[in-house]
């Protein structure tokens, strides 16, 4: 699954630099996560680093982007091969 930043985001800027896949960027009103780049930190860390640092806990599972661990790992490998 990819993660989603809700409209409760306060634009504090702490999540963006924590993303190893560069999946987080500033959207029109608040930060957004690109589901094509989000691996929930699979392959990098044991837990999503954006969720760990978020002071308002506004990062949740994306309800329309469900992937299992195998799919997230495949996405991780695809993204790391591009670098």
PDB file of N, CA and C in Angstrom:
ATOM      1  N   UNK A   1       0.832  -1.172   0.000  1.00  0.00           N
ATOM      2  CA  UNK A   1       0.000   0.000   0.000  1.00  0.00           C
ATOM      3  C   UNK A   1       0.876   1.235   0.000  1.00  0.00           C
ATOM      4  N   UNK A   2       0.391   2.242  -0.577  1.00  0.00           N
ATOM      5  CA  UNK A   2       1.065   3.533  -0.508  1.00  0.00           C
ATOM      6  C   UNK A   2       0.471   4.288   0.670  1.00  0.00           C
ATOM      7  N   UNK A   3       1.145   5.330   1.047  1.00  0.00           N
ATOM      8  CA  UNK A   3       0.657   6.170   2.135  1.00  0.00           C
ATOM      9  C   UNK A   3       0.025   7.432   1.562  1.00  0.00           C
ATOM     10  N   UNK A   4      -0.754   8.083   2.376  1.00  0.00           N
ATOM     11  CA  UNK A   4      -1.498   9.275   1.982  1.00  0.00           C
ATOM     12  C   UNK A   4      -1.386  10.300   3.104  1.00  0.00           C
ATOM     13  N   UNK A   5      -1.121  11.539   2.742  1.00  0.00           N
ATOM     14  CA  UNK A   5      -1.106  12.634   3.708  1.00  0.00           C
ATOM     15  C   UNK A   5      -2.476  13.299   3.667  1.00  0.00           C
ATOM     16  N   UNK A   6      -3.116  13.380   4.820  1.00  0.00           N
ATOM     17  CA  UNK A   6      -4.461  13.955   4.871  1.00  0.00           C
ATOM     18  C   UNK A   6      -4.405  15.483   4.938  1.00  0.00           C
ATOM     19  N   UNK A   7      -5.568  16.087   4.838  1.00  0.00           N
ATOM     20  CA  UNK A   7      -5.638  17.547   4.873  1.00  0.00           C
ATOM     21  C   UNK A   7      -5.374  18.120   6.265  1.00  0.00           C
ATOM     22  N   UNK A   8      -5.073  17.262   7.238  1.00  0.00           N
ATOM     23  CA  UNK A   8      -4.670  17.729   8.559  1.00  0.00           C
ATOM     24  C   UNK A   8      -3.203  18.155   8.582  1.00  0.00           C
ATOM     25  N   UNK A   9      -2.498  17.967   7.462  1.00  0.00           N
ATOM     26  CA  UNK A   9      -1.085  18.336   7.343  1.00  0.00           C
ATOM     27  C   UNK A   9      -0.898  19.816   7.660  1.00  0.00           C
ATOM     28  N   UNK A  10       0.125  20.117   8.454  1.00  0.00           N
ATOM     29  CA  UNK A  10       0.407  21.502   8.834  1.00  0.00           C
ATOM     30  C   UNK A  10       1.621  22.070   8.075  1.00  0.00           C
ATOM     31  N   UNK A  11       2.076  21.347   7.052  1.00  0.00           N
ATOM     32  CA  UNK A  11       3.208  21.786   6.228  1.00  0.00           C
ATOM     33  C   UNK A  11       4.453  22.085   7.056  1.00  0.00           C
ATOM     34  N   UNK A  12       4.761  21.212   7.967  1.00  0.00           N
ATOM     35  CA  UNK A  12       5.901  21.440   8.863  1.00  0.00           C
ATOM     36  C   UNK A  12       7.239  21.079   8.220  1.00  0.00           C
ATOM     37  N   UNK A  13       7.209  20.432   7.075  1.00  0.00           N
ATOM     38  CA  UNK A  13       8.413  20.103   6.306  1.00  0.00           C
ATOM     39  C   UNK A  13       9.266  18.973   6.879  1.00  0.00           C
ATOM     40  N   UNK A  14       8.819  18.244   7.891  1.00  0.00           N
ATOM     41  CA  UNK A  14       9.680  17.199   8.455  1.00  0.00           C
ATOM     42  C   UNK A  14       9.606  15.877   7.693  1.00  0.00           C
ATOM     43  N   UNK A  15       8.524  15.602   7.012  1.00  0.00           N
ATOM     44  CA  UNK A  15       8.378  14.313   6.331  1.00  0.00           C
ATOM     45  C   UNK A  15       9.159  14.230   5.020  1.00  0.00           C
ATOM     46  N   UNK A  16       9.192  15.291   4.277  1.00  0.00           N
ATOM     47  CA  UNK A  16       9.798  15.269   2.939  1.00  0.00           C
ATOM     48  C   UNK A  16      11.241  14.762   2.933  1.00  0.00           C
ATOM     49  N   UNK A  17      12.127  15.283   3.772  1.00  0.00           N
ATOM     50  CA  UNK A  17      13.506  14.800   3.716  1.00  0.00           C
ATOM     51  C   UNK A  17      13.692  13.375   4.243  1.00  0.00           C
ATOM     52  N   UNK A  18      12.694  12.843   4.939  1.00  0.00           N
ATOM     53  CA  UNK A  18      12.804  11.492   5.484  1.00  0.00           C
ATOM     54  C   UNK A  18      12.507  10.405   4.455  1.00  0.00           C
ATOM     55  N   UNK A  19      11.880  10.758   3.343  1.00  0.00           N
ATOM     56  CA  UNK A  19      11.461   9.773   2.348  1.00  0.00           C
ATOM     57  C   UNK A  19      12.646   9.329   1.489  1.00  0.00           C
ATOM     58  N   UNK A  20      13.036   8.055   1.567  1.00  0.00           N
ATOM     59  CA  UNK A  20      14.172   7.579   0.784  1.00  0.00           C
ATOM     60  C   UNK A  20      13.871   7.445  -0.704  1.00  0.00           C
ATOM     61  N   UNK A  21      12.600   7.508  -1.073  1.00  0.00           N
ATOM     62  CA  UNK A  21      12.206   7.354  -2.477  1.00  0.00           C
ATOM     63  C   UNK A  21      11.814   8.668  -3.139  1.00  0.00           C
ATOM     64  N   UNK A  22      11.990   9.762  -2.443  1.00  0.00           N
ATOM     65  CA  UNK A  22      11.584  11.076  -2.968  1.00  0.00           C
ATOM     66  C   UNK A  22      10.123  11.078  -3.420  1.00  0.00           C
ATOM     67  N   UNK A  23       9.284  10.417  -2.642  1.00  0.00           N
ATOM     68  CA  UNK A  23       7.866  10.314  -2.992  1.00  0.00           C
ATOM     69  C   UNK A  23       7.033  11.465  -2.444  1.00  0.00           C
ATOM     70  N   UNK A  24       7.595  12.250  -1.524  1.00  0.00           N
ATOM     71  CA  UNK A  24       6.841  13.330  -0.885  1.00  0.00           C
ATOM     72  C   UNK A  24       7.244  14.665  -1.486  1.00  0.00           C
ATOM     73  N   UNK A  25       6.233  15.450  -1.831  1.00  0.00           N
ATOM     74  CA  UNK A  25       6.489  16.786  -2.367  1.00  0.00           C
ATOM     75  C   UNK A  25       5.365  17.715  -1.926  1.00  0.00           C
ATOM     76  N   UNK A  26       5.601  19.001  -2.088  1.00  0.00           N
ATOM     77  CA  UNK A  26       4.585  19.980  -1.723  1.00  0.00           C
ATOM     78  C   UNK A  26       3.494  19.972  -2.775  1.00  0.00           C
ATOM     79  N   UNK A  27       2.272  19.813  -2.333  1.00  0.00           N
ATOM     80  CA  UNK A  27       1.129  19.872  -3.238  1.00  0.00           C
ATOM     81  C   UNK A  27       0.572  21.280  -3.278  1.00  0.00           C
ATOM     82  N   UNK A  28      -0.640  21.397  -3.759  1.00  0.00           N
ATOM     83  CA  UNK A  28      -1.261  22.719  -3.867  1.00  0.00           C
ATOM     84  C   UNK A  28      -1.483  23.365  -2.503  1.00  0.00           C
ATOM     85  N   UNK A  29      -1.973  22.563  -1.541  1.00  0.00           N
ATOM     86  CA  UNK A  29      -2.274  23.105  -0.211  1.00  0.00           C
ATOM     87  C   UNK A  29      -1.418  22.502   0.903  1.00  0.00           C
ATOM     88  N   UNK A  30      -0.965  21.276   0.720  1.00  0.00           N
ATOM     89  CA  UNK A  30      -0.165  20.586   1.727  1.00  0.00           C
ATOM     90  C   UNK A  30       0.639  19.485   1.031  1.00  0.00           C
ATOM     91  N   UNK A  31       1.502  18.829   1.774  1.00  0.00           N
ATOM     92  CA  UNK A  31       2.361  17.806   1.202  1.00  0.00           C
ATOM     93  C   UNK A  31       1.545  16.626   0.674  1.00  0.00           C
ATOM     94  N   UNK A  32       2.065  15.999  -0.373  1.00  0.00           N
ATOM     95  CA  UNK A  32       1.418  14.841  -0.983  1.00  0.00           C
ATOM     96  C   UNK A  32       2.460  13.737  -1.163  1.00  0.00           C
ATOM     97  N   UNK A  33       1.968  12.516  -1.287  1.00  0.00           N
ATOM     98  CA  UNK A  33       2.829  11.359  -1.521  1.00  0.00           C
ATOM     99  C   UNK A  33       2.466  10.751  -2.861  1.00  0.00           C
ATOM    100  N   UNK A  34       3.469  10.550  -3.713  1.00  0.00           N
ATOM    101  CA  UNK A  34       3.275   9.921  -5.016  1.00  0.00           C
ATOM    102  C   UNK A  34       3.180   8.409  -4.784  1.00  0.00           C
ATOM    103  N   UNK A  35       2.008   7.798  -5.006  1.00  0.00           N
ATOM    104  CA  UNK A  35       1.862   6.371  -4.750  1.00  0.00           C
ATOM    105  C   UNK A  35       2.721   5.498  -5.668  1.00  0.00           C
ATOM    106  N   UNK A  36       3.155   6.037  -6.779  1.00  0.00           N
ATOM    107  CA  UNK A  36       4.022   5.269  -7.670  1.00  0.00           C
ATOM    108  C   UNK A  36       5.447   5.173  -7.134  1.00  0.00           C
ATOM    109  N   UNK A  37       5.789   6.026  -6.182  1.00  0.00           N
ATOM    110  CA  UNK A  37       7.135   6.037  -5.587  1.00  0.00           C
ATOM    111  C   UNK A  37       7.154   5.576  -4.131  1.00  0.00           C
ATOM    112  N   UNK A  38       5.998   5.533  -3.491  1.00  0.00           N
ATOM    113  CA  UNK A  38       5.927   5.164  -2.076  1.00  0.00           C
ATOM    114  C   UNK A  38       5.999   3.649  -1.904  1.00  0.00           C
ATOM    115  N   UNK A  39       6.975   3.205  -1.103  1.00  0.00           N
ATOM    116  CA  UNK A  39       7.095   1.785  -0.765  1.00  0.00           C
ATOM    117  C   UNK A  39       6.867   1.564   0.727  1.00  0.00           C
ATOM    118  N   UNK A  40       6.349   2.566   1.422  1.00  0.00           N
ATOM    119  CA  UNK A  40       6.211   2.522   2.872  1.00  0.00           C
ATOM    120  C   UNK A  40       7.558   2.222   3.520  1.00  0.00           C
ATOM    121  N   UNK A  41       8.614   2.642   2.864  1.00  0.00           N
ATOM    122  CA  UNK A  41      10.012   2.459   3.298  1.00  0.00           C
ATOM    123  C   UNK A  41      10.476   1.008   3.241  1.00  0.00           C
ATOM    124  N   UNK A  42       9.688   0.124   2.643  1.00  0.00           N
ATOM    125  CA  UNK A  42      10.129  -1.263   2.446  1.00  0.00           C
ATOM    126  C   UNK A  42      11.411  -1.237   1.627  1.00  0.00           C
ATOM    127  N   UNK A  43      12.401  -1.993   2.088  1.00  0.00           N
ATOM    128  CA  UNK A  43      13.697  -2.020   1.432  1.00  0.00           C
ATOM    129  C   UNK A  43      14.681  -1.035   2.028  1.00  0.00           C
ATOM    130  N   UNK A  44      14.180  -0.066   2.760  1.00  0.00           N
ATOM    131  CA  UNK A  44      15.022   0.966   3.375  1.00  0.00           C
ATOM    132  C   UNK A  44      14.988   0.889   4.900  1.00  0.00           C
ATOM    133  N   UNK A  45      13.781   0.831   5.468  1.00  0.00           N
ATOM    134  CA  UNK A  45      13.594   0.893   6.921  1.00  0.00           C
ATOM    135  C   UNK A  45      12.508  -0.100   7.340  1.00  0.00           C
ATOM    136  N   UNK A  46      12.414  -0.336   8.632  1.00  0.00           N
ATOM    137  CA  UNK A  46      11.411  -1.257   9.161  1.00  0.00           C
ATOM    138  C   UNK A  46      10.015  -0.654   9.252  1.00  0.00           C
ATOM    139  N   UNK A  47       9.942   0.666   9.225  1.00  0.00           N
ATOM    140  CA  UNK A  47       8.647   1.339   9.287  1.00  0.00           C
ATOM    141  C   UNK A  47       8.714   2.627   8.481  1.00  0.00           C
ATOM    142  N   UNK A  48       7.563   3.126   8.020  1.00  0.00           N
ATOM    143  CA  UNK A  48       7.548   4.355   7.236  1.00  0.00           C
ATOM    144  C   UNK A  48       8.086   5.536   8.036  1.00  0.00           C
ATOM    145  N   UNK A  49       9.171   6.108   7.565  1.00  0.00           N
ATOM    146  CA  UNK A  49       9.833   7.187   8.293  1.00  0.00           C
ATOM    147  C   UNK A  49       9.006   8.461   8.340  1.00  0.00           C
ATOM    148  N   UNK A  50       8.193   8.711   7.330  1.00  0.00           N
ATOM    149  CA  UNK A  50       7.345   9.903   7.356  1.00  0.00           C
ATOM    150  C   UNK A  50       6.338   9.823   8.498  1.00  0.00           C
ATOM    151  N   UNK A  51       5.798   8.634   8.739  1.00  0.00           N
ATOM    152  CA  UNK A  51       4.857   8.464   9.848  1.00  0.00           C
ATOM    153  C   UNK A  51       5.561   8.636  11.192  1.00  0.00           C
ATOM    154  N   UNK A  52       6.796   8.168  11.280  1.00  0.00           N
ATOM    155  CA  UNK A  52       7.553   8.268  12.530  1.00  0.00           C
ATOM    156  C   UNK A  52       7.757   9.721  12.936  1.00  0.00           C
ATOM    157  N   UNK A  53       8.069  10.586  11.977  1.00  0.00           N
ATOM    158  CA  UNK A  53       8.394  11.979  12.311  1.00  0.00           C
ATOM    159  C   UNK A  53       7.208  12.932  12.281  1.00  0.00           C
ATOM    160  N   UNK A  54       6.092  12.521  11.735  1.00  0.00           N
ATOM    161  CA  UNK A  54       4.937  13.418  11.594  1.00  0.00           C
ATOM    162  C   UNK A  54       4.374  13.820  12.963  1.00  0.00           C
ATOM    163  N   UNK A  55       4.392  15.120  13.291  1.00  0.00           N
ATOM    164  CA  UNK A  55       3.926  15.558  14.611  1.00  0.00           C
ATOM    165  C   UNK A  55       2.404  15.553  14.774  1.00  0.00           C
ATOM    166  N   UNK A  56       1.660  15.525  13.674  1.00  0.00           N
ATOM    167  CA  UNK A  56       0.196  15.557  13.781  1.00  0.00           C
ATOM    168  C   UNK A  56      -0.450  14.243  13.358  1.00  0.00           C
ATOM    169  N   UNK A  57       0.367  13.244  13.039  1.00  0.00           N
ATOM    170  CA  UNK A  57      -0.121  11.914  12.663  1.00  0.00           C
ATOM    171  C   UNK A  57      -1.159  11.981  11.547  1.00  0.00           C
ATOM    172  N   UNK A  58      -0.809  12.688  10.477  1.00  0.00           N
ATOM    173  CA  UNK A  58      -1.745  12.850   9.361  1.00  0.00           C
ATOM    174  C   UNK A  58      -1.390  11.973   8.166  1.00  0.00           C
ATOM    175  N   UNK A  59      -0.532  10.976   8.357  1.00  0.00           N
ATOM    176  CA  UNK A  59      -0.129  10.098   7.264  1.00  0.00           C
ATOM    177  C   UNK A  59      -0.718   8.717   7.529  1.00  0.00           C
ATOM    178  N   UNK A  60      -1.544   8.279   6.596  1.00  0.00           N
ATOM    179  CA  UNK A  60      -2.243   7.006   6.770  1.00  0.00           C
ATOM    180  C   UNK A  60      -2.139   6.167   5.497  1.00  0.00           C
ATOM    181  N   UNK A  61      -2.623   4.935   5.581  1.00  0.00           N
ATOM    182  CA  UNK A  61      -2.621   4.074   4.405  1.00  0.00           C
ATOM    183  C   UNK A  61      -3.566   4.647   3.356  1.00  0.00           C
ATOM    184  N   UNK A  62      -3.128   4.612   2.124  1.00  0.00           N
ATOM    185  CA  UNK A  62      -3.949   5.110   1.018  1.00  0.00           C
ATOM    186  C   UNK A  62      -5.054   4.087   0.751  1.00  0.00           C
ATOM    187  N   UNK A  63      -6.309   4.462   0.904  1.00  0.00           N
ATOM    188  CA  UNK A  63      -7.405   3.491   0.787  1.00  0.00           C
ATOM    189  C   UNK A  63      -7.582   2.910  -0.621  1.00  0.00           C
ATOM    190  N   UNK A  64      -7.118   3.591  -1.637  1.00  0.00           N
ATOM    191  CA  UNK A  64      -7.296   3.107  -2.998  1.00  0.00           C
ATOM    192  C   UNK A  64      -6.010   2.569  -3.618  1.00  0.00           C
ATOM    193  N   UNK A  65      -4.952   2.418  -2.837  1.00  0.00           N
ATOM    194  CA  UNK A  65      -3.663   1.981  -3.380  1.00  0.00           C
ATOM    195  C   UNK A  65      -3.134   0.865  -2.489  1.00  0.00           C
ATOM    196  N   UNK A  66      -3.671  -0.334  -2.667  1.00  0.00           N
ATOM    197  CA  UNK A  66      -3.307  -1.438  -1.795  1.00  0.00           C
ATOM    198  C   UNK A  66      -2.306  -2.360  -2.470  1.00  0.00           C
ATOM    199  N   UNK A  67      -1.186  -2.568  -1.796  1.00  0.00           N
ATOM    200  CA  UNK A  67      -0.127  -3.439  -2.289  1.00  0.00           C
ATOM    201  C   UNK A  67       0.367  -4.299  -1.134  1.00  0.00           C
ATOM    202  N   UNK A  68       0.736  -5.542  -1.443  1.00  0.00           N
ATOM    203  CA  UNK A  68       1.294  -6.394  -0.402  1.00  0.00           C
ATOM    204  C   UNK A  68       2.801  -6.170  -0.310  1.00  0.00           C
ATOM    205  N   UNK A  69       3.438  -6.827   0.651  1.00  0.00           N
ATOM    206  CA  UNK A  69       4.878  -6.660   0.868  1.00  0.00           C
ATOM    207  C   UNK A  69       5.689  -7.003  -0.382  1.00  0.00           C
ATOM    208  N   UNK A  70       5.266  -8.027  -1.094  1.00  0.00           N
ATOM    209  CA  UNK A  70       5.979  -8.440  -2.309  1.00  0.00           C
ATOM    210  C   UNK A  70       5.923  -7.338  -3.373  1.00  0.00           C
ATOM    211  N   UNK A  71       4.780  -6.733  -3.540  1.00  0.00           N
ATOM    212  CA  UNK A  71       4.636  -5.643  -4.514  1.00  0.00           C
ATOM    213  C   UNK A  71       5.449  -4.419  -4.094  1.00  0.00           C
ATOM    214  N   UNK A  72       5.461  -4.124  -2.803  1.00  0.00           N
ATOM    215  CA  UNK A  72       6.252  -2.989  -2.319  1.00  0.00           C
ATOM    216  C   UNK A  72       7.741  -3.232  -2.529  1.00  0.00           C
ATOM    217  N   UNK A  73       8.194  -4.473  -2.308  1.00  0.00           N
ATOM    218  CA  UNK A  73       9.600  -4.799  -2.519  1.00  0.00           C
ATOM    219  C   UNK A  73       9.957  -4.713  -4.001  1.00  0.00           C
ATOM    220  N   UNK A  74       9.056  -5.153  -4.869  1.00  0.00           N
ATOM    221  CA  UNK A  74       9.286  -5.050  -6.315  1.00  0.00           C
ATOM    222  C   UNK A  74       9.393  -3.585  -6.730  1.00  0.00           C
ATOM    223  N   UNK A  75       8.547  -2.742  -6.158  1.00  0.00           N
ATOM    224  CA  UNK A  75       8.603  -1.308  -6.453  1.00  0.00           C
ATOM    225  C   UNK A  75       9.926  -0.727  -5.959  1.00  0.00           C
ATOM    226  N   UNK A  76      10.360  -1.139  -4.763  1.00  0.00           N
ATOM    227  CA  UNK A  76      11.657  -0.706  -4.220  1.00  0.00           C
ATOM    228  C   UNK A  76      12.785  -1.049  -5.192  1.00  0.00           C
ATOM    229  N   UNK A  77      12.796  -2.286  -5.692  1.00  0.00           N
ATOM    230  CA  UNK A  77      13.854  -2.699  -6.623  1.00  0.00           C
ATOM    231  C   UNK A  77      13.803  -1.892  -7.922  1.00  0.00           C
ATOM    232  N   UNK A  78      12.611  -1.636  -8.417  1.00  0.00           N
ATOM    233  CA  UNK A  78      12.468  -0.837  -9.639  1.00  0.00           C
ATOM    234  C   UNK A  78      12.992   0.575  -9.433  1.00  0.00           C
ATOM    235  N   UNK A  79      12.655   1.167  -8.299  1.00  0.00           N
ATOM    236  CA  UNK A  79      13.098   2.532  -8.022  1.00  0.00           C
ATOM    237  C   UNK A  79      14.597   2.628  -7.793  1.00  0.00           C
ATOM    238  N   UNK A  80      15.185   1.655  -7.123  1.00  0.00           N
ATOM    239  CA  UNK A  80      16.614   1.709  -6.850  1.00  0.00           C
ATOM    240  C   UNK A  80      17.437   1.401  -8.098  1.00  0.00           C
ATOM    241  N   UNK A  81      16.878   0.676  -9.041  1.00  0.00           N
ATOM    242  CA  UNK A  81      17.588   0.434 -10.305  1.00  0.00           C
ATOM    243  C   UNK A  81      17.643   1.696 -11.157  1.00  0.00           C
ATOM    244  N   UNK A  82      16.685   2.603 -10.990  1.00  0.00           N
ATOM    245  CA  UNK A  82      16.633   3.840 -11.770  1.00  0.00           C
ATOM    246  C   UNK A  82      17.668   4.851 -11.321  1.00  0.00           C
ATOM    247  N   UNK A  83      18.184   4.718 -10.094  1.00  0.00           N
ATOM    248  CA  UNK A  83      19.119   5.710  -9.559  1.00  0.00           C
ATOM    249  C   UNK A  83      20.504   5.508 -10.107  1.00  0.00           C
TER     250      UNK A  83
END
